[in-house]
Every structure is written in structure tokens, then in C-alpha cells.
Amino acid sequence: MIDQNLPVLVPVLFLLAALLAPLLGQWRRGLSYLVALLASLVNTAVALYSLYYVVVNGIVRHKFGGWVPPIGIEYVLDPLAAFMIAVVTVVSLVVLVHSRQVVKVELAGRDVPFYGVVMLLLAGFCGIVVTGDLFNLYVFLEISSLATYALIAAGEKPAPVAAFRYLIMGTIGASFYLFGLWFIYNMTGSLNMADIAAILPGVYGETGVIIGLLLMVVGIGIKMALFPLHGWLPDAYTYASSASTAFIAPIGTKIGAYVLIRILLYVFEPGYFSSQIPLADVIMWLAAAGILYGSVMAIAQKELKRMLAYSSIAQVGYIGLGLGLANPLGLIGAVLHVLNHAFMKACLFLVAGNLRVTIGHSDISRFDAALRRKMPWTMAAFTVGALSMIGIPPTAGFFSKWYLVLGGIDRGAWIMVVVILVSSLLNAVYFFRVLENTYFRPALSMDEAMGDYDHPDADIESFPREEVAPSMLVPTLVLGTGIVLLGIFNAFIVSAVIRLMVPAGL
């Protein structure tokens, strides 16, 4: 019986936690974190079991109130949805464990509402993934967006402005999606994804269908931060608290990518957006431009979080590029990069949080060799994440890029292959700059750090260890280790799970 309720459990448990965390936190402050942690632990176990169950037994559907779709709302766990739920819950659990100390430092006194909003954010994300109804997806999209605005606003002094900018752009994106949905509903008379997919082939030639699809793609493109609709992202990631960014950056844009994949490949037939209208080519070229733009802009940044923010624009481009290639290898590369980038970016933003808590900043220009002495394990995790972002084997990032390259070759899109290779070189430039400062730049002496410049080139061993607490270090190392393990077991992940997501006709 419980197996048939699997699509409902994760979002409902997160919604319940979003209610209980602030209520119990008013009575005893520490309970808000415990409620959030317990909900995340249970949901992670449920999500991993759901992924196993779907892979072994097939799609699970839950019909609310006994109403049969398309009249009633249906939640669905297919391989793509189960995979995304697992990514969201696993990464968010690790980040949640890490967040407690960061919240105490950066959001002192605001921990109770913070954990309530985080639970609401995750409920929205998971609801988007499991729903089989396009309007219900819009509802969860708004829930997650409202939570995101709140998390971004709780940060540095410029954070409210960054949150307001995202609110404006996010509202525009949601409006585009809703207007597009109205066109689709007007042409099909249904909101259920499976029902719409069955009706659409008979009305593909209608102008309303094309307009509806384009509006929805633009709206989701803003949420996904697909170039050139990315304007909200750099400030949001930079000025939000480190804990907030660590939740939003690894998962938020990937949910937008999931919606785009779901609509273009599952609601519409794959051949429609790649052959009947040139939408696949548009997405591919915009994604390629975003890859180069984000990589070049990342090189120009001196602040680590801002560098990682522009890097995220480029990484979203890889996912868009895989989707735009419109072939099985491209889709495999895109979905695999959703998983890999979630781990990589979470690891790197946890490192940024570690640095801010320990040394009070994440200014790249102030990094030197003393940092590797003070925080050796944190910087080791950063090194693994950086190498994976560049695409050095056997880390995870190499293999998703490899599938994208194979997808480009299979389609004959040699320019896209060149873009991927050039972007890897650009990634190396801005990540090796951080590594060079950390491992090879002479450290300031203790006297020099105090303003006495008579004693340059300090002995590294003279600096005390200042590694973060285990509650922050262990999650960082777990993600760093996960990056390597995902690379080693990439073939199993692709063959056992991701290949099941390739729709017929792609």
C-alpha cells in the first residue's frame, strides 16, 4: 500500500516540517533544526527507496481523492522524477547538516524561520518534480519561488535588492509559464501531462500550441537562469547567506532544467521541438553562449561566491546544451550533469561557507599558502570540486562532459564540441587561480599580517590549524568524496537509471 503513496510522501513530509519547524522553534529554538533534520533524513530514505522501486517495478501513480485523471490531479514517479527527488533530498540533507554552524554565524537569531523556509523550499521543489499536472506544477513553482526570495533576502546588505530583482524576474517567468499554459489548455482542454501528450499530436500545427510552448520555455528559462535570462543569479548567489546559497545553487536551477526536460521531451514529442520547430537549435546556441559568457565572467571575479555564481551560469549551459542536442547521448549528458553539478556546486559553496566562518571572507585575492595549512581538508575538498568542474578524470564532471561531447559528435555539431573543450580551458583558468594562490602563493608572516613587513615569507608550519568543526567539515568531505565516487560509478548510473529516462522517438 505504501508503495502506491510514494509520489506523495516526500512533498507532504516537507510541507509538514515547514509547518512544525517554526511552531516548535517558538517553544524551544533548537527544535526547528531537529524537525528539519528529521524530515530530511526520512525523505532521503524514502527518495532512495522510491528510485530503487521505480527502476525495478516501473512507474508509480497516485490519484488524489479517487478522481481519475484528467479530471483529478495525479502525482507520478517515473525514472526521471525519482532520480530528481533523490538528487534533491540527498544534497539538501548534506547541506542541512552543514548549515547549523553557518546559520549561527551569518543569520544569528533567525535560525527558526530559516529552517521553516528551507522546508518550504524543498516541498516546492519536490512537488514540481512529482506532479503530473501542469497547473499544479505552477503552484509548486510559486511556493518554491517565494521561499527562494526569502532565503536570498536574508544575507548581506545588498541581499534584499538581489532578492527583489529575482522577485521581479521570477514573477515575469512565472507569468510567461502561466500564459503559455493557458494557450496549451485552450488547445487541448486538459492540464494533465499524460492527457495533453496524447492530445497534442492532433493539434501540433496550431499557432496556439507553438505560442504556448514558447511562452512556457521562456518562463522556465528564467527560473533555470538560461542565458540570456540569467540576470538575477550573480547577485542572488553572491549576497545571500552561505547557507542559503548552498541550498539554492545546487538544486534551484536544476529544477528549472527538469521542468524544461519534462515539457519538451515528455509532454511534447521529442521530434516536435527538434524538427517541426527549430526550438532545439535555439536552446543549444543560447546554452553555448551561456557557457562561454559564464566562464569568461567567472575569470574576472575576485570574490569566490561571485565566481561560483557565474560558473553556475556556464554549468546550466551544459544542461541546456545537452537538451538542445536532441539526441540520447546529449540527454544522458544533461541529466548526468544535473547530478554531478549538484554535488560539485554544493561542495564548492560549502567550502565558501567554511572560509567565511573561519577566516571571515572568501576574497580570492587574499588567499595564500597559509590557507592550506589552516584548513587543509576544506581546501582538499575544494580542489576535488574544482578539478571536477574543469573535467579532469576520474571526477564526475569529466563524464557528463564526455557524454555531451559524444552527443555533439553524433549530431555533427562540431562547434558545440569546441565550445565544451574551450569552456573546460576557461574553467581551468579561474579555478587554478584559486589553487595557485592557496598552494603556491607565499604566505604572509605573522608580523606582516599585523602590519610589520620586515619578515616576509612566513614558515607555513608556524600557522595554527583552524579547520572548521566536524559538523561542517564532514558534509564538505562527503560531497568531495561523492564527486569522485560518481565519476567512478558513472557507467552504472547511466546504464541502470539514466538510460531509462530516454523517451521513445529521441
Protein backbone atom coordinates (compact mmCIF):
# COMPACT_ATOMS: atom_id res chain seq x y z
CA MET A 1 0.00 0.00 0.00
CA ILE A 2 2.77 2.43 0.91
CA ASP A 3 4.43 1.86 -2.46
CA GLN A 4 1.43 3.45 -4.21
CA ASN A 5 1.78 6.52 -1.98
CA LEU A 6 5.48 7.06 -2.68
CA PRO A 7 4.90 10.07 -5.01
CA VAL A 8 3.08 11.90 -2.21
CA LEU A 9 5.28 11.18 0.79
CA VAL A 10 8.27 13.45 0.17
CA PRO A 11 6.48 16.75 -0.60
CA VAL A 12 3.89 16.15 2.14
CA LEU A 13 6.55 15.44 4.77
CA PHE A 14 8.46 18.58 3.78
CA LEU A 15 5.24 20.64 3.98
CA LEU A 16 4.52 19.20 7.42
CA ALA A 17 8.06 20.06 8.53
CA ALA A 18 7.65 23.59 7.14
CA LEU A 19 4.67 23.99 9.48
CA LEU A 20 6.16 22.32 12.56
CA ALA A 21 9.69 23.77 12.42
CA PRO A 22 8.72 27.40 13.16
CA LEU A 23 5.92 26.41 15.58
CA LEU A 24 8.09 24.16 17.74
CA GLY A 25 11.01 26.57 17.33
CA GLN A 26 8.99 29.25 19.12
CA TRP A 27 8.70 26.93 22.09
CA ARG A 28 12.29 25.65 22.05
CA ARG A 29 14.63 27.16 19.47
CA GLY A 30 16.72 24.05 18.79
CA LEU A 31 13.67 22.03 17.79
CA SER A 32 13.33 23.84 14.46
CA TYR A 33 16.63 22.38 13.26
CA LEU A 34 15.83 18.93 14.63
CA VAL A 35 12.46 18.88 12.84
CA ALA A 36 14.11 19.92 9.57
CA LEU A 37 16.89 17.34 10.00
CA LEU A 38 14.46 14.53 10.83
CA ALA A 39 12.25 15.37 7.84
CA SER A 40 15.28 15.42 5.53
CA LEU A 41 16.57 12.09 6.86
CA VAL A 42 13.22 10.38 6.38
CA ASN A 43 12.67 11.91 2.95
CA THR A 44 16.14 10.93 1.78
CA ALA A 45 15.44 7.32 2.73
CA VAL A 46 12.03 7.47 1.02
CA ALA A 47 13.52 9.06 -2.11
CA LEU A 48 16.29 6.47 -2.45
CA TYR A 49 13.81 3.64 -1.93
CA SER A 50 11.49 5.26 -4.48
CA LEU A 51 14.28 5.38 -7.04
CA TYR A 52 15.05 1.70 -6.46
CA TYR A 53 11.36 0.77 -6.62
CA VAL A 54 10.74 2.66 -9.86
CA VAL A 55 13.82 1.21 -11.55
CA VAL A 56 12.79 -2.33 -10.58
CA ASN A 57 8.98 -2.15 -10.84
CA GLY A 58 8.22 0.75 -13.15
CA ILE A 59 6.19 3.96 -12.89
CA VAL A 60 4.14 4.67 -9.75
CA ARG A 61 1.00 6.82 -9.99
CA HIS A 62 -1.08 8.30 -7.18
CA LYS A 63 -4.58 9.65 -7.93
CA PHE A 64 -5.86 12.16 -5.38
CA GLY A 65 -9.33 11.66 -3.92
CA GLY A 66 -10.08 8.77 -6.22
CA TRP A 67 -10.63 11.20 -9.11
CA VAL A 68 -9.28 9.66 -12.31
CA PRO A 69 -7.10 11.97 -14.45
CA PRO A 70 -7.52 14.17 -16.39
CA ILE A 71 -10.29 15.34 -14.04
CA GLY A 72 -8.27 14.68 -10.90
CA ILE A 73 -4.69 15.57 -10.01
CA GLU A 74 -2.14 12.83 -10.38
CA TYR A 75 1.35 12.52 -8.88
CA VAL A 76 3.79 10.38 -10.85
CA LEU A 77 7.15 8.80 -10.11
CA ASP A 78 8.87 7.71 -13.30
CA PRO A 79 12.67 7.24 -13.61
CA LEU A 80 13.28 10.95 -14.29
CA ALA A 81 11.15 12.14 -11.37
CA ALA A 82 12.51 9.54 -8.94
CA PHE A 83 16.06 10.44 -9.96
CA MET A 84 15.45 14.16 -9.38
CA ILE A 85 13.80 13.57 -5.99
CA ALA A 86 16.85 11.55 -4.94
CA VAL A 87 19.22 14.32 -6.04
CA VAL A 88 17.22 17.00 -4.20
CA THR A 89 16.90 15.09 -0.93
CA VAL A 90 20.46 13.73 -0.75
CA VAL A 91 22.15 17.05 -1.50
CA SER A 92 19.81 19.05 0.74
CA LEU A 93 20.39 16.65 3.66
CA VAL A 94 24.16 17.09 3.45
CA VAL A 95 23.80 20.88 3.17
CA LEU A 96 21.35 20.94 6.08
CA VAL A 97 23.84 19.20 8.37
CA HIS A 98 26.48 21.74 7.38
CA SER A 99 24.17 24.74 7.74
CA ARG A 100 23.72 24.76 11.50
CA GLN A 101 27.02 26.44 12.35
CA VAL A 102 26.85 28.77 9.35
CA VAL A 103 23.37 29.95 10.33
CA LYS A 104 24.57 30.68 13.87
CA VAL A 105 27.30 32.96 12.47
CA GLU A 106 25.60 34.60 9.46
CA LEU A 107 21.93 34.52 10.49
CA ALA A 108 22.14 34.81 14.27
CA GLY A 109 18.68 34.85 15.82
CA ARG A 110 16.95 33.94 12.55
CA ASP A 111 17.50 30.19 12.59
CA VAL A 112 13.88 29.28 13.39
CA PRO A 113 12.31 30.97 10.33
CA PHE A 114 15.30 29.90 8.20
CA TYR A 115 14.66 26.18 8.67
CA GLY A 116 10.93 26.62 8.14
CA VAL A 117 11.55 28.40 4.84
CA VAL A 118 14.10 25.74 3.77
CA MET A 119 11.49 23.01 4.33
CA LEU A 120 9.00 25.03 2.27
CA LEU A 121 11.60 25.42 -0.48
CA LEU A 122 12.23 21.67 -0.62
CA ALA A 123 8.49 20.93 -0.56
CA GLY A 124 8.09 23.18 -3.59
CA PHE A 125 10.99 21.58 -5.43
CA CYS A 126 9.77 18.04 -4.78
CA GLY A 127 6.18 18.95 -5.65
CA ILE A 128 7.34 20.30 -9.01
CA VAL A 129 9.09 17.01 -9.70
CA VAL A 130 6.31 14.57 -8.80
CA THR A 131 3.21 16.35 -10.09
CA GLY A 132 1.61 15.13 -13.28
CA ASP A 133 -0.45 18.30 -13.69
CA LEU A 134 0.90 21.42 -15.40
CA PHE A 135 -1.12 23.86 -13.27
CA ASN A 136 -0.21 22.06 -10.06
CA LEU A 137 3.40 22.44 -11.21
CA TYR A 138 2.83 26.20 -11.38
CA VAL A 139 1.53 26.20 -7.80
CA PHE A 140 4.62 24.42 -6.51
CA LEU A 141 6.79 26.67 -8.66
CA GLU A 142 5.37 29.68 -6.83
CA ILE A 143 5.82 28.02 -3.43
CA SER A 144 9.49 27.34 -4.10
CA SER A 145 9.97 30.81 -5.58
CA LEU A 146 8.53 32.56 -2.52
CA ALA A 147 10.84 30.53 -0.29
CA THR A 148 13.79 31.35 -2.53
CA TYR A 149 13.09 35.09 -2.35
CA ALA A 150 13.07 34.91 1.45
CA LEU A 151 16.29 32.91 1.64
CA ILE A 152 18.11 35.29 -0.70
CA ALA A 153 16.91 38.38 1.18
CA ALA A 154 18.37 37.05 4.44
CA GLY A 155 22.01 37.80 3.69
CA GLU A 156 24.40 40.72 3.31
CA LYS A 157 23.24 44.34 2.99
CA PRO A 158 22.72 44.16 -0.80
CA ALA A 159 20.78 40.88 -0.43
CA PRO A 160 17.27 42.43 -0.26
CA VAL A 161 17.93 44.25 -3.54
CA ALA A 162 19.12 41.00 -5.14
CA ALA A 163 16.02 39.24 -3.80
CA PHE A 164 13.76 41.98 -5.16
CA ARG A 165 15.39 41.73 -8.59
CA TYR A 166 14.82 37.98 -8.58
CA LEU A 167 11.24 38.53 -7.38
CA ILE A 168 10.56 40.76 -10.40
CA MET A 169 12.23 38.41 -12.86
CA GLY A 170 10.78 35.33 -11.20
CA THR A 171 7.27 36.79 -11.37
CA ILE A 172 7.76 37.56 -15.04
CA GLY A 173 8.97 34.00 -15.60
CA ALA A 174 6.01 32.51 -13.74
CA SER A 175 3.63 34.75 -15.71
CA PHE A 176 5.13 33.60 -19.01
CA TYR A 177 4.69 29.98 -17.91
CA LEU A 178 1.08 30.61 -16.85
CA PHE A 179 0.18 32.41 -20.08
CA GLY A 180 1.76 29.59 -22.06
CA LEU A 181 -0.18 27.06 -20.04
CA TRP A 182 -3.41 28.93 -20.87
CA PHE A 183 -2.66 28.54 -24.59
CA ILE A 184 -1.98 24.82 -24.16
CA TYR A 185 -5.14 24.35 -22.11
CA ASN A 186 -7.16 26.28 -24.67
CA MET A 187 -5.92 23.96 -27.43
CA THR A 188 -6.17 20.66 -25.54
CA GLY A 189 -8.80 21.19 -22.84
CA SER A 190 -6.61 19.42 -20.27
CA LEU A 191 -3.95 20.14 -17.64
CA ASN A 192 -2.83 16.55 -17.04
CA MET A 193 0.57 15.94 -18.64
CA ALA A 194 -0.19 12.44 -19.90
CA ASP A 195 -3.55 13.54 -21.32
CA ILE A 196 -2.02 16.58 -23.03
CA ALA A 197 0.72 14.37 -24.51
CA ALA A 198 -1.97 12.16 -26.08
CA ILE A 199 -3.95 15.13 -27.48
CA LEU A 200 -1.10 17.32 -28.78
CA PRO A 201 -0.18 15.32 -31.92
CA GLY A 202 -3.56 16.24 -33.39
CA VAL A 203 -3.05 19.98 -32.87
CA TYR A 204 0.71 20.42 -33.41
CA GLY A 205 0.07 22.61 -36.41
CA GLU A 206 -1.98 25.14 -34.45
CA THR A 207 -0.41 28.52 -33.75
CA GLY A 208 -1.69 28.47 -30.16
CA VAL A 209 0.38 25.38 -29.39
CA ILE A 210 3.57 26.98 -30.69
CA ILE A 211 2.94 30.24 -28.79
CA GLY A 212 2.10 28.33 -25.61
CA LEU A 213 5.27 26.25 -25.79
CA LEU A 214 7.48 29.26 -26.48
CA LEU A 215 5.99 31.21 -23.55
CA MET A 216 6.49 28.27 -21.20
CA VAL A 217 10.08 27.76 -22.33
CA VAL A 218 10.90 31.44 -21.78
CA GLY A 219 9.30 31.37 -18.33
CA ILE A 220 11.17 28.28 -17.24
CA GLY A 221 14.34 29.60 -18.87
CA ILE A 222 14.28 32.49 -16.39
CA LYS A 223 13.93 30.10 -13.47
CA MET A 224 16.70 27.94 -14.90
CA ALA A 225 18.94 31.01 -15.48
CA LEU A 226 19.44 30.01 -19.12
CA PHE A 227 21.46 32.69 -20.93
CA PRO A 228 20.45 35.49 -21.53
CA LEU A 229 17.71 35.13 -18.88
CA HIS A 230 20.23 34.77 -16.07
CA GLY A 231 20.38 38.37 -14.81
CA TRP A 232 19.01 37.61 -11.34
CA LEU A 233 21.57 34.91 -10.49
CA PRO A 234 25.00 36.54 -9.82
CA ASP A 235 23.84 38.96 -7.13
CA ALA A 236 21.46 36.42 -5.60
CA TYR A 237 24.16 33.79 -5.13
CA THR A 238 26.78 36.32 -4.00
CA TYR A 239 24.84 38.26 -1.37
CA ALA A 240 22.61 35.56 0.10
CA SER A 241 23.96 33.89 3.22
CA SER A 242 26.33 31.00 2.61
CA ALA A 243 23.75 28.56 4.00
CA SER A 244 21.02 29.89 1.69
CA THR A 245 23.23 29.78 -1.38
CA ALA A 246 24.28 26.22 -0.59
CA PHE A 247 20.60 25.16 -0.77
CA ILE A 248 19.62 27.22 -3.81
CA ALA A 249 22.64 26.96 -6.12
CA PRO A 250 23.00 23.15 -6.37
CA ILE A 251 19.27 22.45 -6.72
CA GLY A 252 17.25 25.51 -7.80
CA THR A 253 18.33 25.88 -11.41
CA LYS A 254 18.30 22.07 -11.85
CA ILE A 255 14.59 22.04 -11.03
CA GLY A 256 14.08 24.51 -13.88
CA ALA A 257 16.09 22.20 -16.13
CA TYR A 258 13.92 19.28 -15.04
CA VAL A 259 10.73 21.16 -15.99
CA LEU A 260 12.19 22.01 -19.39
CA ILE A 261 13.12 18.36 -20.00
CA ARG A 262 9.71 17.19 -18.82
CA ILE A 263 7.78 19.54 -21.09
CA LEU A 264 9.92 19.26 -24.22
CA LEU A 265 10.54 15.51 -24.17
CA TYR A 266 7.59 14.02 -22.29
CA VAL A 267 4.60 16.32 -22.70
CA PHE A 268 5.55 17.22 -26.28
CA GLU A 269 7.07 14.63 -28.59
CA PRO A 270 10.87 14.92 -28.87
CA GLY A 271 10.68 15.41 -32.61
CA TYR A 272 8.40 18.41 -32.28
CA PHE A 273 10.85 20.82 -30.69
CA SER A 274 13.79 19.48 -32.68
CA SER A 275 12.27 19.02 -36.15
CA GLN A 276 8.91 20.72 -36.57
CA ILE A 277 10.02 23.97 -34.93
CA PRO A 278 13.71 24.99 -34.50
CA LEU A 279 13.46 25.35 -30.71
CA ALA A 280 16.19 22.78 -30.02
CA ASP A 281 18.68 24.77 -32.09
CA VAL A 282 17.76 28.00 -30.28
CA ILE A 283 18.25 26.39 -26.86
CA MET A 284 21.52 24.82 -27.99
CA TRP A 285 23.01 28.09 -29.24
CA LEU A 286 21.83 30.08 -26.24
CA ALA A 287 23.29 27.42 -23.95
CA ALA A 288 26.62 27.55 -25.81
CA ALA A 289 26.70 31.34 -25.46
CA GLY A 290 25.91 30.99 -21.75
CA ILE A 291 28.74 28.50 -21.29
CA LEU A 292 31.28 30.91 -22.75
CA TYR A 293 29.80 34.02 -21.12
CA GLY A 294 29.64 32.47 -17.65
CA SER A 295 33.17 31.10 -17.91
CA VAL A 296 34.67 34.40 -19.08
CA MET A 297 32.84 36.40 -16.41
CA ALA A 298 33.97 33.95 -13.72
CA ILE A 299 37.59 34.69 -14.63
CA ALA A 300 37.03 38.39 -13.88
CA GLN A 301 35.74 37.85 -10.32
CA LYS A 302 37.75 38.35 -7.14
CA GLU A 303 35.10 37.07 -4.74
CA LEU A 304 34.79 33.27 -4.56
CA LYS A 305 30.99 33.15 -4.23
CA ARG A 306 30.57 35.51 -7.18
CA MET A 307 32.99 33.45 -9.24
CA LEU A 308 30.95 30.34 -8.43
CA ALA A 309 27.77 32.23 -9.34
CA TYR A 310 28.99 33.00 -12.85
CA SER A 311 30.30 29.46 -13.08
CA SER A 312 26.74 28.28 -12.41
CA ILE A 313 25.54 30.15 -15.49
CA ALA A 314 28.05 28.19 -17.54
CA GLN A 315 27.13 24.90 -15.90
CA VAL A 316 23.42 25.44 -16.57
CA GLY A 317 24.51 25.96 -20.15
CA TYR A 318 25.89 22.42 -20.28
CA ILE A 319 22.47 21.06 -19.30
CA GLY A 320 20.74 23.25 -21.88
CA LEU A 321 23.27 22.19 -24.50
CA GLY A 322 22.58 18.51 -23.85
CA LEU A 323 18.85 19.12 -24.18
CA GLY A 324 19.32 21.19 -27.34
CA LEU A 325 21.36 18.44 -29.00
CA ALA A 326 18.10 16.45 -29.00
CA ASN A 327 19.67 13.01 -29.09
CA PRO A 328 20.05 10.25 -26.47
CA LEU A 329 23.72 10.96 -25.70
CA GLY A 330 23.00 14.65 -25.23
CA LEU A 331 20.12 13.92 -22.86
CA ILE A 332 22.25 11.44 -20.89
CA GLY A 333 24.97 14.08 -20.59
CA ALA A 334 22.45 16.72 -19.47
CA VAL A 335 20.80 14.53 -16.82
CA LEU A 336 24.15 13.22 -15.57
CA HIS A 337 25.37 16.82 -15.29
CA VAL A 338 22.31 17.66 -13.19
CA LEU A 339 23.53 15.09 -10.66
CA ASN A 340 27.21 15.92 -10.96
CA HIS A 341 26.77 19.67 -10.78
CA ALA A 342 24.51 19.39 -7.73
CA PHE A 343 27.33 17.63 -5.87
CA MET A 344 30.10 19.84 -7.27
CA LYS A 345 28.41 23.17 -6.64
CA ALA A 346 27.17 22.13 -3.20
CA CYS A 347 30.73 21.13 -2.26
CA LEU A 348 32.22 24.39 -3.51
CA PHE A 349 29.64 26.58 -1.78
CA LEU A 350 30.13 24.65 1.46
CA VAL A 351 33.83 25.46 1.14
CA ALA A 352 32.93 29.13 0.71
CA GLY A 353 30.85 28.91 3.88
CA ASN A 354 33.73 27.25 5.74
CA LEU A 355 36.05 30.07 4.70
CA ARG A 356 33.65 32.81 5.74
CA VAL A 357 33.04 31.24 9.13
CA THR A 358 36.74 30.60 9.82
CA ILE A 359 38.69 33.46 8.24
CA GLY A 360 35.81 35.91 7.77
CA HIS A 361 35.93 36.28 3.99
CA SER A 362 36.13 34.45 0.66
CA ASP A 363 38.19 37.04 -1.23
CA ILE A 364 40.37 35.16 -3.72
CA SER A 365 42.97 37.94 -3.84
CA ARG A 366 43.65 37.40 -0.13
CA PHE A 367 44.18 33.64 -0.36
CA ASP A 368 47.73 32.39 0.19
CA ALA A 369 49.60 29.24 1.16
CA ALA A 370 48.74 29.73 4.83
CA LEU A 371 45.19 28.69 3.93
CA ARG A 372 46.20 25.15 3.10
CA ARG A 373 47.92 24.94 6.48
CA LYS A 374 44.97 26.38 8.37
CA MET A 375 42.24 24.45 6.54
CA PRO A 376 43.87 21.52 4.72
CA TRP A 377 40.77 19.31 4.43
CA THR A 378 38.47 22.11 3.35
CA MET A 379 40.88 23.13 0.60
CA ALA A 380 41.35 19.49 -0.42
CA ALA A 381 37.58 19.25 -0.94
CA PHE A 382 37.68 22.47 -2.94
CA THR A 383 40.45 21.03 -5.11
CA VAL A 384 38.38 17.94 -5.89
CA GLY A 385 35.36 20.07 -6.73
CA ALA A 386 37.45 22.38 -8.91
CA LEU A 387 39.04 19.51 -10.83
CA SER A 388 35.60 18.05 -11.44
CA MET A 389 34.25 21.37 -12.70
CA ILE A 390 37.16 21.56 -15.11
CA GLY A 391 36.51 18.00 -16.22
CA ILE A 392 39.55 16.07 -15.02
CA PRO A 393 39.03 12.29 -14.82
CA PRO A 394 38.10 10.33 -12.79
CA THR A 395 35.96 13.03 -11.19
CA ALA A 396 32.26 13.26 -12.01
CA GLY A 397 32.43 16.39 -14.16
CA PHE A 398 34.55 14.68 -16.80
CA PHE A 399 31.96 12.05 -17.63
CA SER A 400 28.95 14.32 -18.10
CA LYS A 401 31.06 16.50 -20.39
CA TRP A 402 32.19 13.35 -22.20
CA TYR A 403 28.61 12.36 -22.96
CA LEU A 404 27.90 15.89 -24.15
CA VAL A 405 30.89 15.72 -26.47
CA LEU A 406 29.66 12.35 -27.80
CA GLY A 407 26.21 13.86 -28.29
CA GLY A 408 27.73 16.76 -30.24
CA ILE A 409 29.71 14.39 -32.43
CA ASP A 410 26.66 12.18 -33.00
CA ARG A 411 24.69 15.20 -34.21
CA GLY A 412 27.59 16.63 -36.18
CA ALA A 413 27.54 19.80 -34.05
CA TRP A 414 31.30 20.28 -34.04
CA ILE A 415 31.04 23.88 -32.89
CA MET A 416 29.39 22.63 -29.70
CA VAL A 417 32.23 20.18 -29.16
CA VAL A 418 34.69 23.07 -29.46
CA VAL A 419 32.61 25.14 -27.01
CA ILE A 420 32.78 22.35 -24.42
CA LEU A 421 36.54 22.00 -24.83
CA VAL A 422 37.18 25.76 -24.74
CA SER A 423 34.96 26.15 -21.68
CA SER A 424 36.98 23.49 -19.87
CA LEU A 425 40.12 25.54 -20.52
CA LEU A 426 38.37 28.65 -19.23
CA ASN A 427 37.26 26.71 -16.15
CA ALA A 428 40.86 25.77 -15.58
CA VAL A 429 41.89 29.42 -15.70
CA TYR A 430 39.62 30.63 -12.91
CA PHE A 431 39.84 27.55 -10.71
CA PHE A 432 43.61 27.20 -11.00
CA ARG A 433 43.92 30.84 -9.98
CA VAL A 434 42.37 29.90 -6.63
CA LEU A 435 44.51 26.77 -6.35
CA GLU A 436 47.66 28.70 -7.24
CA ASN A 437 47.03 31.26 -4.51
CA THR A 438 46.21 28.57 -1.98
CA TYR A 439 49.08 26.20 -2.64
CA PHE A 440 51.87 28.27 -4.19
CA ARG A 441 51.47 31.90 -3.20
CA PRO A 442 53.95 32.78 -0.38
CA ALA A 443 52.17 33.28 2.91
CA LEU A 444 52.30 36.46 4.93
CA SER A 445 54.34 36.15 8.10
CA MET A 446 52.60 36.63 11.42
CA ASP A 447 54.32 40.01 11.77
CA GLU A 448 53.36 41.02 8.24
CA ALA A 449 49.77 40.12 8.88
CA MET A 450 49.90 42.60 11.78
CA GLY A 451 51.40 45.32 9.62
CA ASP A 452 55.14 44.67 10.11
CA TYR A 453 56.63 43.92 6.67
CA ASP A 454 60.18 43.22 7.85
CA HIS A 455 59.61 39.47 7.82
CA PRO A 456 58.19 38.26 4.50
CA ASP A 457 57.69 34.63 3.53
CA ALA A 458 56.47 33.05 6.73
CA ASP A 459 57.09 29.46 7.67
CA ILE A 460 53.86 27.71 6.80
CA GLU A 461 54.19 25.43 9.81
CA SER A 462 54.02 28.47 12.11
CA PHE A 463 50.33 28.95 11.32
CA PRO A 464 47.93 27.08 13.61
CA ARG A 465 45.29 24.72 12.26
CA GLU A 466 41.89 26.42 12.09
CA GLU A 467 39.82 23.74 10.41
CA VAL A 468 36.06 24.04 10.78
CA ALA A 469 34.03 21.98 13.23
CA PRO A 470 33.24 18.36 12.28
CA SER A 471 29.58 19.25 11.65
CA MET A 472 30.79 21.48 8.80
CA LEU A 473 33.84 19.54 7.67
CA VAL A 474 32.23 16.11 7.37
CA PRO A 475 29.45 17.25 4.95
CA THR A 476 32.08 19.03 2.84
CA LEU A 477 34.20 15.89 2.67
CA VAL A 478 31.15 13.71 1.97
CA LEU A 479 30.37 15.80 -1.10
CA GLY A 480 34.03 15.80 -2.18
CA THR A 481 34.14 12.02 -1.86
CA GLY A 482 30.81 11.76 -3.65
CA ILE A 483 32.23 13.66 -6.62
CA VAL A 484 34.91 11.01 -7.05
CA LEU A 485 32.51 8.10 -6.49
CA LEU A 486 30.03 9.48 -9.02
CA GLY A 487 32.85 9.58 -11.54
CA ILE A 488 33.95 6.03 -10.80
CA PHE A 489 30.41 4.63 -10.96
CA ASN A 490 29.14 6.81 -13.78
CA ALA A 491 28.69 3.86 -16.15
CA PHE A 492 26.46 2.07 -13.64
CA ILE A 493 24.39 5.22 -13.02
CA VAL A 494 23.89 5.74 -16.74
CA SER A 495 23.07 2.13 -17.60
CA ALA A 496 20.88 1.39 -14.57
CA VAL A 497 18.98 4.67 -14.23
CA ILE A 498 19.54 7.43 -16.79
CA ARG A 499 19.04 5.29 -19.90
CA LEU A 500 15.53 4.53 -18.62
CA MET A 501 14.72 8.24 -19.00
CA VAL A 502 15.38 8.47 -22.74
CA PRO A 503 11.91 8.80 -24.31
CA ALA A 504 10.88 6.98 -27.45
CA GLY A 505 11.50 9.00 -30.59
CA LEU A 506 14.55 10.89 -29.34
